[in-house]
PDB file of N, CA and C in Angstrom:
ATOM      1  N   GLU A   1       0.832  -1.182   0.000  1.00  0.00           N
ATOM      2  CA  GLU A   1       0.000   0.000   0.000  1.00  0.00           C
ATOM      3  C   GLU A   1       0.882   1.253   0.000  1.00  0.00           C
ATOM      4  N   LEU A   2       1.915   1.209   0.825  1.00  0.00           N
ATOM      5  CA  LEU A   2       2.840   2.338   0.889  1.00  0.00           C
ATOM      6  C   LEU A   2       3.542   2.554  -0.449  1.00  0.00           C
ATOM      7  N   GLU A   3       3.924   1.463  -1.085  1.00  0.00           N
ATOM      8  CA  GLU A   3       4.570   1.583  -2.396  1.00  0.00           C
ATOM      9  C   GLU A   3       3.613   2.172  -3.427  1.00  0.00           C
ATOM     10  N   ASN A   4       2.354   1.787  -3.378  1.00  0.00           N
ATOM     11  CA  ASN A   4       1.361   2.342  -4.301  1.00  0.00           C
ATOM     12  C   ASN A   4       1.175   3.843  -4.071  1.00  0.00           C
ATOM     13  N   GLN A   5       1.164   4.246  -2.794  1.00  0.00           N
ATOM     14  CA  GLN A   5       1.042   5.667  -2.491  1.00  0.00           C
ATOM     15  C   GLN A   5       2.251   6.437  -3.011  1.00  0.00           C
ATOM     16  N   LEU A   6       3.430   5.830  -2.893  1.00  0.00           N
ATOM     17  CA  LEU A   6       4.634   6.491  -3.397  1.00  0.00           C
ATOM     18  C   LEU A   6       4.590   6.662  -4.912  1.00  0.00           C
ATOM     19  N   VAL A   7       4.073   5.660  -5.606  1.00  0.00           N
ATOM     20  CA  VAL A   7       3.942   5.767  -7.062  1.00  0.00           C
ATOM     21  C   VAL A   7       2.999   6.919  -7.415  1.00  0.00           C
ATOM     22  N   ALA A   8       1.898   7.021  -6.677  1.00  0.00           N
ATOM     23  CA  ALA A   8       0.935   8.103  -6.934  1.00  0.00           C
ATOM     24  C   ALA A   8       1.570   9.466  -6.660  1.00  0.00           C
ATOM     25  N   LYS A   9       2.306   9.568  -5.574  1.00  0.00           N
ATOM     26  CA  LYS A   9       2.962  10.843  -5.242  1.00  0.00           C
ATOM     27  C   LYS A   9       4.047  11.180  -6.264  1.00  0.00           C
ATOM     28  N   SER A  10       4.731  10.177  -6.764  1.00  0.00           N
ATOM     29  CA  SER A  10       5.744  10.409  -7.793  1.00  0.00           C
ATOM     30  C   SER A  10       5.097  10.982  -9.050  1.00  0.00           C
ATOM     31  N   LYS A  11       3.937  10.441  -9.408  1.00  0.00           N
ATOM     32  CA  LYS A  11       3.221  10.951 -10.581  1.00  0.00           C
ATOM     33  C   LYS A  11       2.797  12.391 -10.356  1.00  0.00           C
ATOM     34  N   THR A  12       2.307  12.686  -9.161  1.00  0.00           N
ATOM     35  CA  THR A  12       1.908  14.057  -8.832  1.00  0.00           C
ATOM     36  C   THR A  12       3.102  15.000  -8.924  1.00  0.00           C
ATOM     37  N   LEU A  13       4.231  14.541  -8.437  1.00  0.00           N
ATOM     38  CA  LEU A  13       5.453  15.344  -8.490  1.00  0.00           C
ATOM     39  C   LEU A  13       5.895  15.579  -9.929  1.00  0.00           C
ATOM     40  N   ASP A  14       5.800  14.557 -10.746  1.00  0.00           N
ATOM     41  CA  ASP A  14       6.139  14.707 -12.169  1.00  0.00           C
ATOM     42  C   ASP A  14       5.192  15.699 -12.856  1.00  0.00           C
ATOM     43  N   ASP A  15       3.903  15.604 -12.515  1.00  0.00           N
ATOM     44  CA  ASP A  15       2.928  16.546 -13.075  1.00  0.00           C
ATOM     45  C   ASP A  15       3.253  17.974 -12.651  1.00  0.00           C
ATOM     46  N   LEU A  16       3.677  18.138 -11.415  1.00  0.00           N
ATOM     47  CA  LEU A  16       4.043  19.450 -10.909  1.00  0.00           C
ATOM     48  C   LEU A  16       5.257  19.999 -11.649  1.00  0.00           C
ATOM     49  N   LYS A  17       6.225  19.135 -11.908  1.00  0.00           N
ATOM     50  CA  LYS A  17       7.406  19.559 -12.676  1.00  0.00           C
ATOM     51  C   LYS A  17       6.987  20.045 -14.068  1.00  0.00           C
ATOM     52  N   GLN A  18       6.129  19.277 -14.721  1.00  0.00           N
ATOM     53  CA  GLN A  18       5.680  19.645 -16.069  1.00  0.00           C
ATOM     54  C   GLN A  18       4.892  20.950 -16.051  1.00  0.00           C
ATOM     55  N   SER A  19       4.062  21.103 -15.037  1.00  0.00           N
ATOM     56  CA  SER A  19       3.266  22.313 -14.903  1.00  0.00           C
ATOM     57  C   SER A  19       4.171  23.526 -14.694  1.00  0.00           C
ATOM     58  N   LEU A  20       5.191  23.360 -13.902  1.00  0.00           N
ATOM     59  CA  LEU A  20       6.139  24.438 -13.656  1.00  0.00           C
ATOM     60  C   LEU A  20       6.887  24.796 -14.929  1.00  0.00           C
ATOM     61  N   ALA A  21       7.272  23.786 -15.666  1.00  0.00           N
ATOM     62  CA  ALA A  21       8.016  24.030 -16.904  1.00  0.00           C
ATOM     63  C   ALA A  21       7.165  24.769 -17.936  1.00  0.00           C
ATOM     64  N   SER A  22       5.877  24.476 -17.972  1.00  0.00           N
ATOM     65  CA  SER A  22       5.035  25.083 -19.003  1.00  0.00           C
ATOM     66  C   SER A  22       4.393  26.397 -18.564  1.00  0.00           C
ATOM     67  N   ASN A  23       3.998  26.516 -17.299  1.00  0.00           N
ATOM     68  CA  ASN A  23       3.237  27.684 -16.868  1.00  0.00           C
ATOM     69  C   ASN A  23       4.025  28.655 -16.009  1.00  0.00           C
ATOM     70  N   GLY A  24       4.704  28.150 -15.043  1.00  0.00           N
ATOM     71  CA  GLY A  24       5.318  29.029 -14.060  1.00  0.00           C
ATOM     72  C   GLY A  24       4.258  29.452 -13.059  1.00  0.00           C
ATOM     73  N   SER A  25       4.622  30.302 -12.088  1.00  0.00           N
ATOM     74  CA  SER A  25       3.669  30.743 -11.084  1.00  0.00           C
ATOM     75  C   SER A  25       4.001  32.155 -10.649  1.00  0.00           C
ATOM     76  N   ALA A  26       2.989  32.917 -10.334  1.00  0.00           N
ATOM     77  CA  ALA A  26       3.205  34.288  -9.892  1.00  0.00           C
ATOM     78  C   ALA A  26       3.566  34.346  -8.414  1.00  0.00           C
ATOM     79  N   GLU A  27       3.232  33.302  -7.668  1.00  0.00           N
ATOM     80  CA  GLU A  27       3.478  33.301  -6.224  1.00  0.00           C
ATOM     81  C   GLU A  27       4.956  33.185  -5.887  1.00  0.00           C
ATOM     82  N   GLN A  28       5.683  32.335  -6.595  1.00  0.00           N
ATOM     83  CA  GLN A  28       7.094  32.121  -6.336  1.00  0.00           C
ATOM     84  C   GLN A  28       7.862  32.234  -7.644  1.00  0.00           C
ATOM     85  N   THR A  29       9.130  32.513  -7.506  1.00  0.00           N
ATOM     86  CA  THR A  29       9.962  32.565  -8.702  1.00  0.00           C
ATOM     87  C   THR A  29      10.160  31.152  -9.210  1.00  0.00           C
ATOM     88  N   PRO A  30      10.393  30.999 -10.497  1.00  0.00           N
ATOM     89  CA  PRO A  30      10.619  29.653 -11.049  1.00  0.00           C
ATOM     90  C   PRO A  30      11.812  28.959 -10.389  1.00  0.00           C
ATOM     91  N   GLU A  31      12.839  29.730 -10.009  1.00  0.00           N
ATOM     92  CA  GLU A  31      14.006  29.123  -9.356  1.00  0.00           C
ATOM     93  C   GLU A  31      13.625  28.542  -7.992  1.00  0.00           C
ATOM     94  N   ALA A  32      12.802  29.295  -7.242  1.00  0.00           N
ATOM     95  CA  ALA A  32      12.369  28.829  -5.920  1.00  0.00           C
ATOM     96  C   ALA A  32      11.497  27.586  -6.055  1.00  0.00           C
ATOM     97  N   GLN A  33      10.625  27.599  -7.053  1.00  0.00           N
ATOM     98  CA  GLN A  33       9.773  26.429  -7.274  1.00  0.00           C
ATOM     99  C   GLN A  33      10.612  25.223  -7.689  1.00  0.00           C
ATOM    100  N   SER A  34      11.570  25.438  -8.559  1.00  0.00           N
ATOM    101  CA  SER A  34      12.436  24.342  -8.996  1.00  0.00           C
ATOM    102  C   SER A  34      13.213  23.772  -7.822  1.00  0.00           C
ATOM    103  N   LEU A  35      13.700  24.660  -6.942  1.00  0.00           N
ATOM    104  CA  LEU A  35      14.436  24.215  -5.763  1.00  0.00           C
ATOM    105  C   LEU A  35      13.535  23.397  -4.851  1.00  0.00           C
ATOM    106  N   ARG A  36      12.324  23.866  -4.643  1.00  0.00           N
ATOM    107  CA  ARG A  36      11.369  23.141  -3.779  1.00  0.00           C
ATOM    108  C   ARG A  36      11.021  21.780  -4.387  1.00  0.00           C
ATOM    109  N   ILE A  37      10.815  21.740  -5.678  1.00  0.00           N
ATOM    110  CA  ILE A  37      10.504  20.466  -6.346  1.00  0.00           C
ATOM    111  C   ILE A  37      11.692  19.524  -6.242  1.00  0.00           C
ATOM    112  N   ALA A  38      12.913  20.039  -6.375  1.00  0.00           N
ATOM    113  CA  ALA A  38      14.105  19.191  -6.231  1.00  0.00           C
ATOM    114  C   ALA A  38      14.190  18.616  -4.823  1.00  0.00           C
ATOM    115  N   GLU A  39      13.854  19.447  -3.818  1.00  0.00           N
ATOM    116  CA  GLU A  39      13.835  18.954  -2.428  1.00  0.00           C
ATOM    117  C   GLU A  39      12.795  17.853  -2.264  1.00  0.00           C
ATOM    118  N   LEU A  40      11.632  18.074  -2.840  1.00  0.00           N
ATOM    119  CA  LEU A  40      10.576  17.055  -2.759  1.00  0.00           C
ATOM    120  C   LEU A  40      11.012  15.757  -3.435  1.00  0.00           C
ATOM    121  N   CYS A  41      11.681  15.872  -4.563  1.00  0.00           N
ATOM    122  CA  CYS A  41      12.170  14.671  -5.268  1.00  0.00           C
ATOM    123  C   CYS A  41      13.182  13.917  -4.413  1.00  0.00           C
ATOM    124  N   GLU A  42      14.085  14.662  -3.762  1.00  0.00           N
ATOM    125  CA  GLU A  42      15.066  14.017  -2.881  1.00  0.00           C
ATOM    126  C   GLU A  42      14.376  13.317  -1.717  1.00  0.00           C
ATOM    127  N   MET A  43      13.379  13.991  -1.143  1.00  0.00           N
ATOM    128  CA  MET A  43      12.633  13.384  -0.035  1.00  0.00           C
ATOM    129  C   MET A  43      11.917  12.116  -0.502  1.00  0.00           C
ATOM    130  N   LYS A  44      11.323  12.193  -1.694  1.00  0.00           N
ATOM    131  CA  LYS A  44      10.623  11.025  -2.242  1.00  0.00           C
ATOM    132  C   LYS A  44      11.595   9.878  -2.462  1.00  0.00           C
ATOM    133  N   ASP A  45      12.759  10.165  -3.027  1.00  0.00           N
ATOM    134  CA  ASP A  45      13.766   9.128  -3.265  1.00  0.00           C
ATOM    135  C   ASP A  45      14.228   8.496  -1.958  1.00  0.00           C
ATOM    136  N   SER A  46      14.391   9.337  -0.942  1.00  0.00           N
ATOM    137  CA  SER A  46      14.787   8.822   0.373  1.00  0.00           C
ATOM    138  C   SER A  46      13.719   7.887   0.932  1.00  0.00           C
ATOM    139  N   ILE A  47      12.471   8.287   0.796  1.00  0.00           N
ATOM    140  CA  ILE A  47      11.364   7.452   1.286  1.00  0.00           C
ATOM    141  C   ILE A  47      11.286   6.157   0.499  1.00  0.00           C
ATOM    142  N   VAL A  48      11.489   6.225  -0.805  1.00  0.00           N
ATOM    143  CA  VAL A  48      11.471   5.015  -1.633  1.00  0.00           C
ATOM    144  C   VAL A  48      12.560   4.045  -1.156  1.00  0.00           C
ATOM    145  N   ASN A  49      13.743   4.569  -0.862  1.00  0.00           N
ATOM    146  CA  ASN A  49      14.825   3.719  -0.358  1.00  0.00           C
ATOM    147  C   ASN A  49      14.475   3.115   1.000  1.00  0.00           C
ATOM    148  N   GLN A  50      13.880   3.914   1.874  1.00  0.00           N
ATOM    149  CA  GLN A  50      13.487   3.408   3.191  1.00  0.00           C
ATOM    150  C   GLN A  50      12.430   2.320   3.065  1.00  0.00           C
ATOM    151  N   VAL A  51      11.475   2.519   2.163  1.00  0.00           N
ATOM    152  CA  VAL A  51      10.431   1.512   1.953  1.00  0.00           C
ATOM    153  C   VAL A  51      11.050   0.220   1.410  1.00  0.00           C
ATOM    154  N   ALA A  52      12.019   0.344   0.517  1.00  0.00           N
ATOM    155  CA  ALA A  52      12.684  -0.850  -0.021  1.00  0.00           C
ATOM    156  C   ALA A  52      13.414  -1.597   1.092  1.00  0.00           C
ATOM    157  N   GLN A  53      14.076  -0.857   1.978  1.00  0.00           N
ATOM    158  CA  GLN A  53      14.758  -1.497   3.109  1.00  0.00           C
ATOM    159  C   GLN A  53      13.748  -2.147   4.046  1.00  0.00           C
ATOM    160  N   LEU A  54      12.642  -1.464   4.282  1.00  0.00           N
ATOM    161  CA  LEU A  54      11.592  -2.011   5.138  1.00  0.00           C
ATOM    162  C   LEU A  54      11.017  -3.284   4.537  1.00  0.00           C
ATOM    163  N   ARG A  55      10.808  -3.284   3.230  1.00  0.00           N
ATOM    164  CA  ARG A  55      10.277  -4.464   2.547  1.00  0.00           C
ATOM    165  C   ARG A  55      11.231  -5.641   2.703  1.00  0.00           C
ATOM    166  N   ALA A  56      12.523  -5.399   2.502  1.00  0.00           N
ATOM    167  CA  ALA A  56      13.513  -6.471   2.637  1.00  0.00           C
ATOM    168  C   ALA A  56      13.529  -6.994   4.069  1.00  0.00           C
ATOM    169  N   SER A  57      13.458  -6.094   5.018  1.00  0.00           N
ATOM    170  CA  SER A  57      13.451  -6.493   6.422  1.00  0.00           C
ATOM    171  C   SER A  57      12.197  -7.304   6.749  1.00  0.00           C
ATOM    172  N   MET A  58      11.049  -6.853   6.257  1.00  0.00           N
ATOM    173  CA  MET A  58       9.795  -7.575   6.519  1.00  0.00           C
ATOM    174  C   MET A  58       9.798  -8.958   5.872  1.00  0.00           C
ATOM    175  N   GLU A  59      10.371  -9.067   4.669  1.00  0.00           N
ATOM    176  CA  GLU A  59      10.444 -10.374   4.017  1.00  0.00           C
ATOM    177  C   GLU A  59      11.339 -11.323   4.807  1.00  0.00           C
ATOM    178  N   SER A  60      12.440 -10.793   5.350  1.00  0.00           N
ATOM    179  CA  SER A  60      13.331 -11.603   6.173  1.00  0.00           C
ATOM    180  C   SER A  60      12.606 -12.079   7.439  1.00  0.00           C
ATOM    181  N   ILE A  61      11.869 -11.177   8.061  1.00  0.00           N
ATOM    182  CA  ILE A  61      11.113 -11.531   9.269  1.00  0.00           C
ATOM    183  C   ILE A  61      10.053 -12.574   8.940  1.00  0.00           C
ATOM    184  N   LEU A  62       9.395 -12.412   7.816  1.00  0.00           N
ATOM    185  CA  LEU A  62       8.370 -13.373   7.402  1.00  0.00           C
ATOM    186  C   LEU A  62       8.971 -14.763   7.186  1.00  0.00           C
ATOM    187  N   GLN A  63      10.150 -14.820   6.572  1.00  0.00           N
ATOM    188  CA  GLN A  63      10.826 -16.107   6.385  1.00  0.00           C
ATOM    189  C   GLN A  63      11.168 -16.738   7.733  1.00  0.00           C
ATOM    190  N   GLN A  64      11.620 -15.921   8.663  1.00  0.00           N
ATOM    191  CA  GLN A  64      11.951 -16.445   9.991  1.00  0.00           C
ATOM    192  C   GLN A  64      10.717 -16.972  10.706  1.00  0.00           C
ATOM    193  N   TRP A  65       9.585 -16.286  10.575  1.00  0.00           N
ATOM    194  CA  TRP A  65       8.352 -16.760  11.191  1.00  0.00           C
ATOM    195  C   TRP A  65       7.890 -18.071  10.550  1.00  0.00           C
ATOM    196  N   ARG A  66       8.050 -18.173   9.240  1.00  0.00           N
ATOM    197  CA  ARG A  66       7.669 -19.425   8.567  1.00  0.00           C
ATOM    198  C   ARG A  66       8.526 -20.581   9.078  1.00  0.00           C
ATOM    199  N   ALA A  67       9.823 -20.341   9.215  1.00  0.00           N
ATOM    200  CA  ALA A  67      10.724 -21.371   9.743  1.00  0.00           C
ATOM    201  C   ALA A  67      10.316 -21.729  11.174  1.00  0.00           C
ATOM    202  N   TYR A  68       9.994 -20.726  11.976  1.00  0.00           N
ATOM    203  CA  TYR A  68       9.557 -20.966  13.347  1.00  0.00           C
ATOM    204  C   TYR A  68       8.294 -21.831  13.360  1.00  0.00           C
ATOM    205  N   ASP A  69       7.323 -21.484  12.521  1.00  0.00           N
ATOM    206  CA  ASP A  69       6.080 -22.252  12.472  1.00  0.00           C
ATOM    207  C   ASP A  69       6.334 -23.708  12.099  1.00  0.00           C
ATOM    208  N   GLU A  70       7.216 -23.935  11.121  1.00  0.00           N
ATOM    209  CA  GLU A  70       7.529 -25.304  10.706  1.00  0.00           C
ATOM    210  C   GLU A  70       8.195 -26.076  11.843  1.00  0.00           C
ATOM    211  N   ILE A  71       9.166 -25.454  12.482  1.00  0.00           N
ATOM    212  CA  ILE A  71       9.882 -26.118  13.580  1.00  0.00           C
ATOM    213  C   ILE A  71       8.944 -26.347  14.761  1.00  0.00           C
ATOM    214  N   TYR A  72       8.087 -25.374  15.043  1.00  0.00           N
ATOM    215  CA  TYR A  72       7.138 -25.522  16.141  1.00  0.00           C
ATOM    216  C   TYR A  72       6.200 -26.702  15.888  1.00  0.00           C
ATOM    217  N   ALA A  73       5.710 -26.819  14.676  1.00  0.00           N
ATOM    218  CA  ALA A  73       4.818 -27.931  14.334  1.00  0.00           C
ATOM    219  C   ALA A  73       5.541 -29.269  14.501  1.00  0.00           C
ATOM    220  N   GLU A  74       6.802 -29.316  14.065  1.00  0.00           N
ATOM    221  CA  GLU A  74       7.588 -30.547  14.194  1.00  0.00           C
ATOM    222  C   GLU A  74       7.818 -30.902  15.667  1.00  0.00           C
ATOM    223  N   VAL A  75       8.180 -29.912  16.472  1.00  0.00           N
ATOM    224  CA  VAL A  75       8.420 -30.148  17.900  1.00  0.00           C
ATOM    225  C   VAL A  75       7.122 -30.560  18.590  1.00  0.00           C
ATOM    226  N   SER A  76       6.026 -29.922  18.204  1.00  0.00           N
ATOM    227  CA  SER A  76       4.730 -30.265  18.790  1.00  0.00           C
ATOM    228  C   SER A  76       4.365 -31.718  18.480  1.00  0.00           C
ATOM    229  N   LEU A  77       4.591 -32.145  17.241  1.00  0.00           N
ATOM    230  CA  LEU A  77       4.315 -33.530  16.865  1.00  0.00           C
ATOM    231  C   LEU A  77       5.206 -34.499  17.641  1.00  0.00           C
ATOM    232  N   MET A  78       6.483 -34.159  17.744  1.00  0.00           N
ATOM    233  CA  MET A  78       7.404 -35.030  18.487  1.00  0.00           C
ATOM    234  C   MET A  78       7.010 -35.112  19.960  1.00  0.00           C
ATOM    235  N   THR A  79       6.571 -34.012  20.527  1.00  0.00           N
ATOM    236  CA  THR A  79       6.138 -34.006  21.929  1.00  0.00           C
ATOM    237  C   THR A  79       4.906 -34.875  22.118  1.00  0.00           C
ATOM    238  N   THR A  80       3.977 -34.766  21.184  1.00  0.00           N
ATOM    239  CA  THR A  80       2.771 -35.593  21.257  1.00  0.00           C
ATOM    240  C   THR A  80       3.127 -37.071  21.174  1.00  0.00           C
ATOM    241  N   ARG A  81       4.023 -37.409  20.260  1.00  0.00           N
ATOM    242  CA  ARG A  81       4.460 -38.809  20.139  1.00  0.00           C
ATOM    243  C   ARG A  81       5.143 -39.286  21.414  1.00  0.00           C
ATOM    244  N   TYR A  82       5.992 -38.428  21.963  1.00  0.00           N
ATOM    245  CA  TYR A  82       6.708 -38.771  23.190  1.00  0.00           C
ATOM    246  C   TYR A  82       5.717 -39.009  24.330  1.00  0.00           C
ATOM    247  N   LEU A  83       4.739 -38.117  24.478  1.00  0.00           N
ATOM    248  CA  LEU A  83       3.754 -38.275  25.541  1.00  0.00           C
ATOM    249  C   LEU A  83       2.926 -39.545  25.347  1.00  0.00           C
ATOM    250  N   TYR A  84       2.612 -39.853  24.098  1.00  0.00           N
ATOM    251  CA  TYR A  84       1.871 -41.086  23.811  1.00  0.00           C
ATOM    252  C   TYR A  84       2.703 -42.301  24.214  1.00  0.00           C
ATOM    253  N   CYS A  85       3.982 -42.286  23.842  1.00  0.00           N
ATOM    254  CA  CYS A  85       4.851 -43.414  24.185  1.00  0.00           C
ATOM    255  C   CYS A  85       4.987 -43.564  25.698  1.00  0.00           C
ATOM    256  N   ILE A  86       5.154 -42.460  26.383  1.00  0.00           N
ATOM    257  CA  ILE A  86       5.264 -42.496  27.845  1.00  0.00           C
ATOM    258  C   ILE A  86       3.989 -43.077  28.433  1.00  0.00           C
ATOM    259  N   ASP A  87       2.858 -42.642  27.912  1.00  0.00           N
ATOM    260  CA  ASP A  87       1.581 -43.126  28.418  1.00  0.00           C
ATOM    261  C   ASP A  87       1.420 -44.621  28.158  1.00  0.00           C
ATOM    262  N   GLN A  88       1.867 -45.086  26.993  1.00  0.00           N
ATOM    263  CA  GLN A  88       1.748 -46.504  26.649  1.00  0.00           C
ATOM    264  C   GLN A  88       2.716 -47.374  27.458  1.00  0.00           C
ATOM    265  N   CYS A  89       3.840 -46.819  27.807  1.00  0.00           N
ATOM    266  CA  CYS A  89       4.849 -47.601  28.519  1.00  0.00           C
ATOM    267  C   CYS A  89       4.606 -47.671  30.022  1.00  0.00           C
ATOM    268  N   LYS A  90       3.763 -46.836  30.531  1.00  0.00           N
ATOM    269  CA  LYS A  90       3.467 -46.800  31.954  1.00  0.00           C
ATOM    270  C   LYS A  90       2.589 -47.998  32.319  1.00  0.00           C
ATOM    271  N   PRO A  91       3.071 -48.854  33.185  1.00  0.00           N
ATOM    272  CA  PRO A  91       2.191 -49.963  33.593  1.00  0.00           C
ATOM    273  C   PRO A  91       1.157 -49.451  34.594  1.00  0.00           C
ATOM    274  N   SER A  92      -0.037 -49.999  34.486  1.00  0.00           N
ATOM    275  CA  SER A  92      -1.051 -49.610  35.463  1.00  0.00           C
ATOM    276  C   SER A  92      -0.763 -50.335  36.770  1.00  0.00           C
ATOM    277  N   GLU A  93      -1.407 -49.914  37.834  1.00  0.00           N
ATOM    278  CA  GLU A  93      -1.152 -50.471  39.165  1.00  0.00           C
ATOM    279  C   GLU A  93      -1.482 -51.963  39.222  1.00  0.00           C
ATOM    280  N   GLU A  94      -2.521 -52.368  38.520  1.00  0.00           N
ATOM    281  CA  GLU A  94      -2.929 -53.765  38.576  1.00  0.00           C
ATOM    282  C   GLU A  94      -2.089 -54.653  37.661  1.00  0.00           C
ATOM    283  N   GLU A  95      -1.343 -54.066  36.736  1.00  0.00           N
ATOM    284  CA  GLU A  95      -0.562 -54.852  35.794  1.00  0.00           C
ATOM    285  C   GLU A  95       0.922 -54.827  36.148  1.00  0.00           C
ATOM    286  N   ALA A  96       1.247 -54.827  37.386  1.00  0.00           N
ATOM    287  CA  ALA A  96       2.643 -54.738  37.809  1.00  0.00           C
ATOM    288  C   ALA A  96       3.336 -56.105  37.806  1.00  0.00           C
ATOM    289  N   SER A  97       2.633 -57.142  37.469  1.00  0.00           N
ATOM    290  CA  SER A  97       3.236 -58.474  37.486  1.00  0.00           C
ATOM    291  C   SER A  97       4.172 -58.645  36.298  1.00  0.00           C
ATOM    292  N   LEU A  98       5.060 -59.605  36.407  1.00  0.00           N
ATOM    293  CA  LEU A  98       6.029 -59.886  35.347  1.00  0.00           C
ATOM    294  C   LEU A  98       5.301 -60.319  34.076  1.00  0.00           C
ATOM    295  N   GLU A  99       4.274 -61.104  34.213  1.00  0.00           N
ATOM    296  CA  GLU A  99       3.504 -61.579  33.055  1.00  0.00           C
ATOM    297  C   GLU A  99       2.830 -60.418  32.328  1.00  0.00           C
ATOM    298  N   ALA A 100       2.287 -59.466  33.074  1.00  0.00           N
ATOM    299  CA  ALA A 100       1.630 -58.310  32.474  1.00  0.00           C
ATOM    300  C   ALA A 100       2.654 -57.427  31.746  1.00  0.00           C
ATOM    301  N   LEU A 101       3.848 -57.309  32.291  1.00  0.00           N
ATOM    302  CA  LEU A 101       4.895 -56.525  31.653  1.00  0.00           C
ATOM    303  C   LEU A 101       5.361 -57.177  30.354  1.00  0.00           C
ATOM    304  N   LYS A 102       5.482 -58.507  30.357  1.00  0.00           N
ATOM    305  CA  LYS A 102       5.863 -59.221  29.139  1.00  0.00           C
ATOM    306  C   LYS A 102       4.804 -59.017  28.054  1.00  0.00           C
ATOM    307  N   LYS A 103       3.546 -59.047  28.457  1.00  0.00           N
ATOM    308  CA  LYS A 103       2.455 -58.842  27.517  1.00  0.00           C
ATOM    309  C   LYS A 103       2.524 -57.414  26.932  1.00  0.00           C
ATOM    310  N   GLN A 104       2.814 -56.447  27.781  1.00  0.00           N
ATOM    311  CA  GLN A 104       2.945 -55.058  27.334  1.00  0.00           C
ATOM    312  C   GLN A 104       4.095 -54.908  26.340  1.00  0.00           C
ATOM    313  N   VAL A 105       5.213 -55.585  26.589  1.00  0.00           N
ATOM    314  CA  VAL A 105       6.370 -55.533  25.681  1.00  0.00           C
ATOM    315  C   VAL A 105       5.980 -56.083  24.311  1.00  0.00           C
ATOM    316  N   LYS A 106       5.236 -57.202  24.306  1.00  0.00           N
ATOM    317  CA  LYS A 106       4.793 -57.788  23.029  1.00  0.00           C
ATOM    318  C   LYS A 106       3.880 -56.822  22.282  1.00  0.00           C
ATOM    319  N   ILE A 107       2.990 -56.154  22.994  1.00  0.00           N
ATOM    320  CA  ILE A 107       2.093 -55.202  22.355  1.00  0.00           C
ATOM    321  C   ILE A 107       2.886 -54.045  21.744  1.00  0.00           C
ATOM    322  N   LEU A 108       3.870 -53.567  22.471  1.00  0.00           N
ATOM    323  CA  LEU A 108       4.669 -52.448  21.972  1.00  0.00           C
ATOM    324  C   LEU A 108       5.543 -52.854  20.790  1.00  0.00           C
ATOM    325  N   GLN A 109       6.000 -54.099  20.781  1.00  0.00           N
ATOM    326  CA  GLN A 109       6.827 -54.564  19.667  1.00  0.00           C
ATOM    327  C   GLN A 109       5.956 -54.697  18.432  1.00  0.00           C
TER     328      GLN A 109
END
């Protein structure tokens, strides 16, 4: 959105340059207007550069968040599997006999 606004402002600035070149103005001298337009162009160029840097920074942050989401999903799955295994390996109070443990080992295998 910011880039689109900059494009629109650039067009307005170009129109202003053309208008100055063809008409001039009684309020300010053409030199003063040209100087002001040059300042505006420099400011616009500076903003365009800042927006480009911001875009690069935001894309880098977005990539890092995507990597985080992928790793988080993987860790979450591994944790769920680990908890399931722990739950399956826990003998219940009534199955503490050697025979019950052997049966549990066979089930897990």
